[in-house]
Structures are given as structure tokens and as C-alpha cells.
Amino acid sequence: MDGTIVVTYKIVCKSDFNLELTLQKLLENEKIAKAIKGEFAKGIRNIELLTKNNNSKIRIETTKELYQFEVNKNDFADLISLAEEDATSRKLMKKDCSHIELVDIKTLD
């Protein structure tokens, strides 16, 4: 196979925060409901916060910098190892940051 692949990855650390919760769960929180009502319905009484889809998810996570590198299409099976090597050569790996997560893989001509 001729051509190249552009791989995008991020470094995952032990201290990274990652939480996923439903919109319903978020709206059930008294402090959040009060803040929303205070911001968008100030001075109005007897109102409820409703949603059409209670299963909508909200993710709260640590913002990460994304890194890219190019490899030959023949190296597809080794992308994780190559990403780890790229991170090591760039000195991105730190004490509590020792994992790689592939974010995107794009094929070029």
C-alpha cells in the first residue's frame, strides 16, 4: 500500500478528570438549577427545568493538547507503538503521564 496516514493522539495522565453525566442528573442538582433559573428566569416564580431527552449526556474532562505525526500505510498495525515512540522522542511523557490515546487517523494519498 502506498501513501501515508496522519495520526493524532493525546497524552493521558493519572490526574486527568473525566466525568459523563446525563442532563437529567445535572438538572436535579439544586445549585445548578438555582444558577440556571437565576441567570435565565430572574424574578420569575414557580418554574421548572425540563428537557425533552433526559438521556442527553454531558462530558466534563481535562483539556488535552493534541499531537500529530505521519507514517506509511504499511505501519497501520503499529500505530500505538509509533505514537508512543513519537511522544517519547518529543519528551512529552512525564512522571504521571505514561499512556497514549489515539484521537484520529486520516489516510492521505
N, C-alpha and C. Protein backbone atom coordinates (compact mmCIF):
# COMPACT_ATOMS: atom_id res chain seq x y z
N MET A 1 0.84 -1.18 0.00
CA MET A 1 0.00 0.00 0.00
C MET A 1 0.88 1.24 0.00
N ASP A 2 0.59 2.12 -0.93
CA ASP A 2 1.31 3.38 -0.98
C ASP A 2 0.50 4.45 -0.27
N GLY A 3 1.18 5.46 0.21
CA GLY A 3 0.50 6.56 0.87
C GLY A 3 0.89 6.66 2.33
N THR A 4 0.33 7.66 2.97
CA THR A 4 0.65 7.89 4.38
C THR A 4 -0.62 8.06 5.21
N ILE A 5 -0.44 7.94 6.50
CA ILE A 5 -1.51 8.11 7.47
C ILE A 5 -1.08 9.21 8.44
N VAL A 6 -2.00 10.14 8.74
CA VAL A 6 -1.74 11.16 9.76
C VAL A 6 -2.45 10.70 11.02
N VAL A 7 -1.68 10.53 12.07
CA VAL A 7 -2.21 10.04 13.35
C VAL A 7 -2.23 11.19 14.35
N THR A 8 -3.37 11.37 15.01
CA THR A 8 -3.50 12.38 16.06
C THR A 8 -3.69 11.64 17.38
N TYR A 9 -2.94 12.06 18.40
CA TYR A 9 -3.02 11.40 19.70
C TYR A 9 -2.92 12.42 20.82
N LYS A 10 -3.25 11.97 22.02
CA LYS A 10 -3.07 12.81 23.21
C LYS A 10 -2.43 11.97 24.31
N ILE A 11 -1.81 12.65 25.25
CA ILE A 11 -1.16 12.01 26.39
C ILE A 11 -2.17 11.94 27.53
N VAL A 12 -2.33 10.78 28.12
CA VAL A 12 -3.27 10.58 29.23
C VAL A 12 -2.48 10.48 30.53
N CYS A 13 -2.93 11.26 31.53
CA CYS A 13 -2.26 11.30 32.83
C CYS A 13 -3.18 10.77 33.92
N LYS A 14 -2.58 10.35 35.04
CA LYS A 14 -3.36 9.85 36.17
C LYS A 14 -4.28 10.92 36.75
N SER A 15 -3.86 12.17 36.71
CA SER A 15 -4.63 13.25 37.32
C SER A 15 -5.70 13.83 36.40
N ASP A 16 -5.86 13.29 35.20
CA ASP A 16 -6.88 13.79 34.27
C ASP A 16 -8.27 13.54 34.83
N PHE A 17 -9.16 14.49 34.58
CA PHE A 17 -10.54 14.38 35.05
C PHE A 17 -11.43 14.02 33.88
N ASN A 18 -12.34 13.07 34.09
CA ASN A 18 -13.24 12.64 33.03
C ASN A 18 -14.54 12.18 33.68
N LEU A 19 -15.62 12.92 33.44
CA LEU A 19 -16.92 12.60 34.03
C LEU A 19 -17.99 12.76 32.97
N GLU A 20 -18.89 11.79 32.89
CA GLU A 20 -20.02 11.86 31.98
C GLU A 20 -21.30 11.70 32.79
N LEU A 21 -22.23 12.64 32.62
CA LEU A 21 -23.49 12.54 33.34
C LEU A 21 -24.63 12.96 32.42
N THR A 22 -25.84 12.53 32.78
CA THR A 22 -26.99 12.86 31.96
C THR A 22 -27.46 14.28 32.27
N LEU A 23 -28.16 14.86 31.32
CA LEU A 23 -28.72 16.19 31.51
C LEU A 23 -29.72 16.18 32.66
N GLN A 24 -30.49 15.11 32.78
CA GLN A 24 -31.46 14.99 33.87
C GLN A 24 -30.76 15.05 35.23
N LYS A 25 -29.66 14.32 35.37
CA LYS A 25 -28.90 14.31 36.63
C LYS A 25 -28.36 15.71 36.94
N LEU A 26 -27.91 16.40 35.91
CA LEU A 26 -27.40 17.75 36.08
C LEU A 26 -28.49 18.70 36.56
N LEU A 27 -29.67 18.61 35.95
CA LEU A 27 -30.77 19.50 36.32
C LEU A 27 -31.36 19.18 37.68
N GLU A 28 -31.15 17.97 38.18
CA GLU A 28 -31.63 17.60 39.51
C GLU A 28 -30.79 18.23 40.62
N ASN A 29 -29.60 18.68 40.29
CA ASN A 29 -28.72 19.31 41.27
C ASN A 29 -29.29 20.70 41.62
N GLU A 30 -29.56 20.91 42.89
CA GLU A 30 -30.21 22.13 43.36
C GLU A 30 -29.41 23.40 43.04
N LYS A 31 -28.11 23.33 43.23
CA LYS A 31 -27.26 24.51 42.97
C LYS A 31 -27.26 24.88 41.48
N ILE A 32 -27.21 23.87 40.64
CA ILE A 32 -27.19 24.13 39.20
C ILE A 32 -28.55 24.66 38.74
N ALA A 33 -29.63 24.06 39.24
CA ALA A 33 -30.97 24.52 38.88
C ALA A 33 -31.16 25.97 39.31
N LYS A 34 -30.71 26.30 40.49
CA LYS A 34 -30.84 27.67 41.01
C LYS A 34 -30.03 28.65 40.15
N ALA A 35 -28.83 28.25 39.74
CA ALA A 35 -27.99 29.11 38.91
C ALA A 35 -28.64 29.34 37.54
N ILE A 36 -29.20 28.30 36.94
CA ILE A 36 -29.86 28.44 35.64
C ILE A 36 -31.09 29.34 35.75
N LYS A 37 -31.89 29.10 36.76
CA LYS A 37 -33.09 29.94 36.96
C LYS A 37 -32.70 31.39 37.22
N GLY A 38 -31.67 31.61 38.03
CA GLY A 38 -31.21 32.95 38.34
C GLY A 38 -30.67 33.68 37.12
N GLU A 39 -30.05 32.96 36.21
CA GLU A 39 -29.47 33.57 35.02
C GLU A 39 -30.50 33.83 33.92
N PHE A 40 -31.42 32.88 33.71
CA PHE A 40 -32.33 32.97 32.57
C PHE A 40 -33.78 33.30 32.93
N ALA A 41 -34.14 33.21 34.20
CA ALA A 41 -35.52 33.49 34.59
C ALA A 41 -35.56 34.30 35.89
N LYS A 42 -34.73 35.29 35.96
CA LYS A 42 -34.59 36.07 37.18
C LYS A 42 -35.92 36.76 37.54
N GLY A 43 -36.34 36.59 38.78
CA GLY A 43 -37.55 37.23 39.27
C GLY A 43 -38.84 36.50 38.94
N ILE A 44 -38.76 35.40 38.23
CA ILE A 44 -39.96 34.64 37.86
C ILE A 44 -40.12 33.49 38.85
N ARG A 45 -41.34 33.28 39.30
CA ARG A 45 -41.61 32.24 40.30
C ARG A 45 -42.30 31.04 39.66
N ASN A 46 -42.27 29.93 40.41
CA ASN A 46 -42.96 28.70 40.03
C ASN A 46 -42.58 28.21 38.64
N ILE A 47 -41.30 28.02 38.41
CA ILE A 47 -40.85 27.48 37.12
C ILE A 47 -40.11 26.17 37.34
N GLU A 48 -40.12 25.35 36.32
CA GLU A 48 -39.43 24.06 36.34
C GLU A 48 -38.41 24.03 35.21
N LEU A 49 -37.38 23.24 35.40
CA LEU A 49 -36.41 22.98 34.34
C LEU A 49 -36.74 21.62 33.74
N LEU A 50 -37.05 21.59 32.46
CA LEU A 50 -37.44 20.36 31.79
C LEU A 50 -36.57 20.14 30.56
N THR A 51 -36.48 18.90 30.13
CA THR A 51 -35.76 18.57 28.92
C THR A 51 -36.54 17.51 28.16
N LYS A 52 -36.45 17.54 26.84
CA LYS A 52 -37.16 16.55 26.03
C LYS A 52 -36.46 15.20 26.08
N ASN A 53 -35.14 15.24 26.14
CA ASN A 53 -34.36 14.00 26.13
C ASN A 53 -33.55 13.92 27.42
N ASN A 54 -34.03 13.13 28.38
CA ASN A 54 -33.34 13.01 29.66
C ASN A 54 -32.03 12.25 29.56
N ASN A 55 -31.80 11.54 28.47
CA ASN A 55 -30.59 10.73 28.33
C ASN A 55 -29.45 11.48 27.65
N SER A 56 -29.64 12.76 27.32
CA SER A 56 -28.55 13.54 26.73
C SER A 56 -27.39 13.57 27.71
N LYS A 57 -26.20 13.37 27.20
CA LYS A 57 -25.02 13.27 28.06
C LYS A 57 -24.18 14.54 27.98
N ILE A 58 -23.60 14.88 29.10
CA ILE A 58 -22.66 15.99 29.20
C ILE A 58 -21.35 15.41 29.72
N ARG A 59 -20.26 15.77 29.05
CA ARG A 59 -18.94 15.29 29.48
C ARG A 59 -18.13 16.45 30.01
N ILE A 60 -17.50 16.20 31.14
CA ILE A 60 -16.58 17.16 31.75
C ILE A 60 -15.23 16.46 31.78
N GLU A 61 -14.26 17.02 31.07
CA GLU A 61 -12.96 16.35 31.03
C GLU A 61 -11.83 17.36 30.92
N THR A 62 -10.65 16.91 31.26
CA THR A 62 -9.45 17.73 31.19
C THR A 62 -9.14 18.04 29.73
N THR A 63 -8.87 19.30 29.45
CA THR A 63 -8.50 19.70 28.09
C THR A 63 -7.08 19.22 27.81
N LYS A 64 -6.91 18.57 26.68
CA LYS A 64 -5.61 18.00 26.34
C LYS A 64 -5.11 18.59 25.03
N GLU A 65 -3.80 18.70 24.93
CA GLU A 65 -3.18 19.12 23.67
C GLU A 65 -3.08 17.91 22.76
N LEU A 66 -3.34 18.12 21.48
CA LEU A 66 -3.28 17.02 20.50
C LEU A 66 -1.98 17.11 19.72
N TYR A 67 -1.39 15.95 19.44
CA TYR A 67 -0.14 15.86 18.70
C TYR A 67 -0.35 15.01 17.47
N GLN A 68 0.40 15.30 16.39
CA GLN A 68 0.26 14.55 15.14
C GLN A 68 1.60 14.09 14.63
N PHE A 69 1.54 12.99 13.86
CA PHE A 69 2.71 12.54 13.12
C PHE A 69 2.22 11.74 11.92
N GLU A 70 3.10 11.57 10.93
CA GLU A 70 2.76 10.83 9.71
C GLU A 70 3.55 9.53 9.67
N VAL A 71 2.87 8.49 9.18
CA VAL A 71 3.52 7.20 8.98
C VAL A 71 3.05 6.61 7.66
N ASN A 72 3.75 5.62 7.19
CA ASN A 72 3.39 4.89 5.99
C ASN A 72 2.16 4.02 6.27
N LYS A 73 1.30 3.82 5.28
CA LYS A 73 0.11 2.99 5.47
C LYS A 73 0.46 1.57 5.91
N ASN A 74 1.63 1.09 5.54
CA ASN A 74 2.04 -0.26 5.93
C ASN A 74 2.24 -0.40 7.44
N ASP A 75 2.40 0.72 8.14
CA ASP A 75 2.64 0.70 9.58
C ASP A 75 1.35 0.79 10.39
N PHE A 76 0.20 0.60 9.76
CA PHE A 76 -1.08 0.75 10.44
C PHE A 76 -1.19 -0.10 11.70
N ALA A 77 -0.72 -1.31 11.67
CA ALA A 77 -0.83 -2.22 12.81
C ALA A 77 -0.01 -1.75 14.02
N ASP A 78 0.97 -0.91 13.78
CA ASP A 78 1.86 -0.46 14.85
C ASP A 78 1.61 0.99 15.29
N LEU A 79 0.43 1.53 15.01
CA LEU A 79 0.18 2.95 15.28
C LEU A 79 0.36 3.34 16.74
N ILE A 80 -0.10 2.51 17.66
CA ILE A 80 0.03 2.85 19.08
C ILE A 80 1.51 2.88 19.48
N SER A 81 2.24 1.89 19.08
CA SER A 81 3.68 1.86 19.39
C SER A 81 4.39 3.05 18.78
N LEU A 82 4.04 3.39 17.54
CA LEU A 82 4.67 4.54 16.88
C LEU A 82 4.29 5.84 17.56
N ALA A 83 3.05 5.95 18.04
CA ALA A 83 2.63 7.15 18.77
C ALA A 83 3.41 7.27 20.07
N GLU A 84 3.60 6.15 20.76
CA GLU A 84 4.39 6.16 21.99
C GLU A 84 5.83 6.58 21.72
N GLU A 85 6.40 6.08 20.63
CA GLU A 85 7.77 6.46 20.25
C GLU A 85 7.85 7.94 19.92
N ASP A 86 6.83 8.45 19.20
CA ASP A 86 6.80 9.87 18.86
C ASP A 86 6.73 10.73 20.12
N ALA A 87 5.88 10.34 21.06
CA ALA A 87 5.74 11.09 22.32
C ALA A 87 7.04 11.05 23.12
N THR A 88 7.70 9.93 23.14
CA THR A 88 8.96 9.79 23.85
C THR A 88 10.05 10.65 23.20
N SER A 89 10.12 10.62 21.87
CA SER A 89 11.15 11.41 21.18
C SER A 89 10.91 12.92 21.34
N ARG A 90 9.66 13.32 21.50
CA ARG A 90 9.34 14.74 21.73
C ARG A 90 9.42 15.11 23.22
N LYS A 91 9.72 14.13 24.05
CA LYS A 91 9.81 14.31 25.50
C LYS A 91 8.49 14.80 26.10
N LEU A 92 7.39 14.20 25.64
CA LEU A 92 6.06 14.56 26.14
C LEU A 92 5.65 13.72 27.34
N MET A 93 6.27 12.57 27.49
CA MET A 93 5.92 11.67 28.59
C MET A 93 6.52 12.21 29.88
N LYS A 94 5.67 12.37 30.88
CA LYS A 94 6.10 12.86 32.17
C LYS A 94 5.83 11.79 33.22
N LYS A 95 6.13 12.10 34.45
CA LYS A 95 6.05 11.13 35.55
C LYS A 95 4.69 10.43 35.63
N ASP A 96 3.60 11.18 35.70
CA ASP A 96 2.27 10.58 35.84
C ASP A 96 1.51 10.53 34.52
N CYS A 97 2.20 10.78 33.42
CA CYS A 97 1.57 10.79 32.09
C CYS A 97 2.27 9.76 31.21
N SER A 98 1.80 8.55 31.25
CA SER A 98 2.52 7.49 30.55
C SER A 98 1.68 6.72 29.54
N HIS A 99 0.47 7.21 29.24
CA HIS A 99 -0.39 6.49 28.30
C HIS A 99 -0.70 7.37 27.09
N ILE A 100 -0.95 6.71 25.97
CA ILE A 100 -1.31 7.37 24.73
C ILE A 100 -2.74 6.99 24.38
N GLU A 101 -3.52 7.97 23.91
CA GLU A 101 -4.85 7.69 23.40
C GLU A 101 -4.93 8.22 21.98
N LEU A 102 -5.23 7.32 21.02
CA LEU A 102 -5.38 7.75 19.65
C LEU A 102 -6.70 8.50 19.52
N VAL A 103 -6.66 9.66 18.88
CA VAL A 103 -7.84 10.50 18.73
C VAL A 103 -8.40 10.42 17.33
N ASP A 104 -7.51 10.42 16.32
CA ASP A 104 -7.96 10.42 14.92
C ASP A 104 -6.89 9.78 14.04
N ILE A 105 -7.36 9.13 12.98
CA ILE A 105 -6.48 8.53 11.99
C ILE A 105 -7.03 8.92 10.62
N LYS A 106 -6.21 9.63 9.82
CA LYS A 106 -6.63 10.05 8.49
C LYS A 106 -5.67 9.50 7.46
N THR A 107 -6.22 9.00 6.36
CA THR A 107 -5.42 8.47 5.27
C THR A 107 -5.18 9.57 4.25
N LEU A 108 -3.93 9.76 3.85
CA LEU A 108 -3.58 10.69 2.79
C LEU A 108 -3.27 9.88 1.54
N ASP A 109 -3.20 10.55 0.40
CA ASP A 109 -2.88 9.84 -0.85
C ASP A 109 -1.53 9.20 -0.82
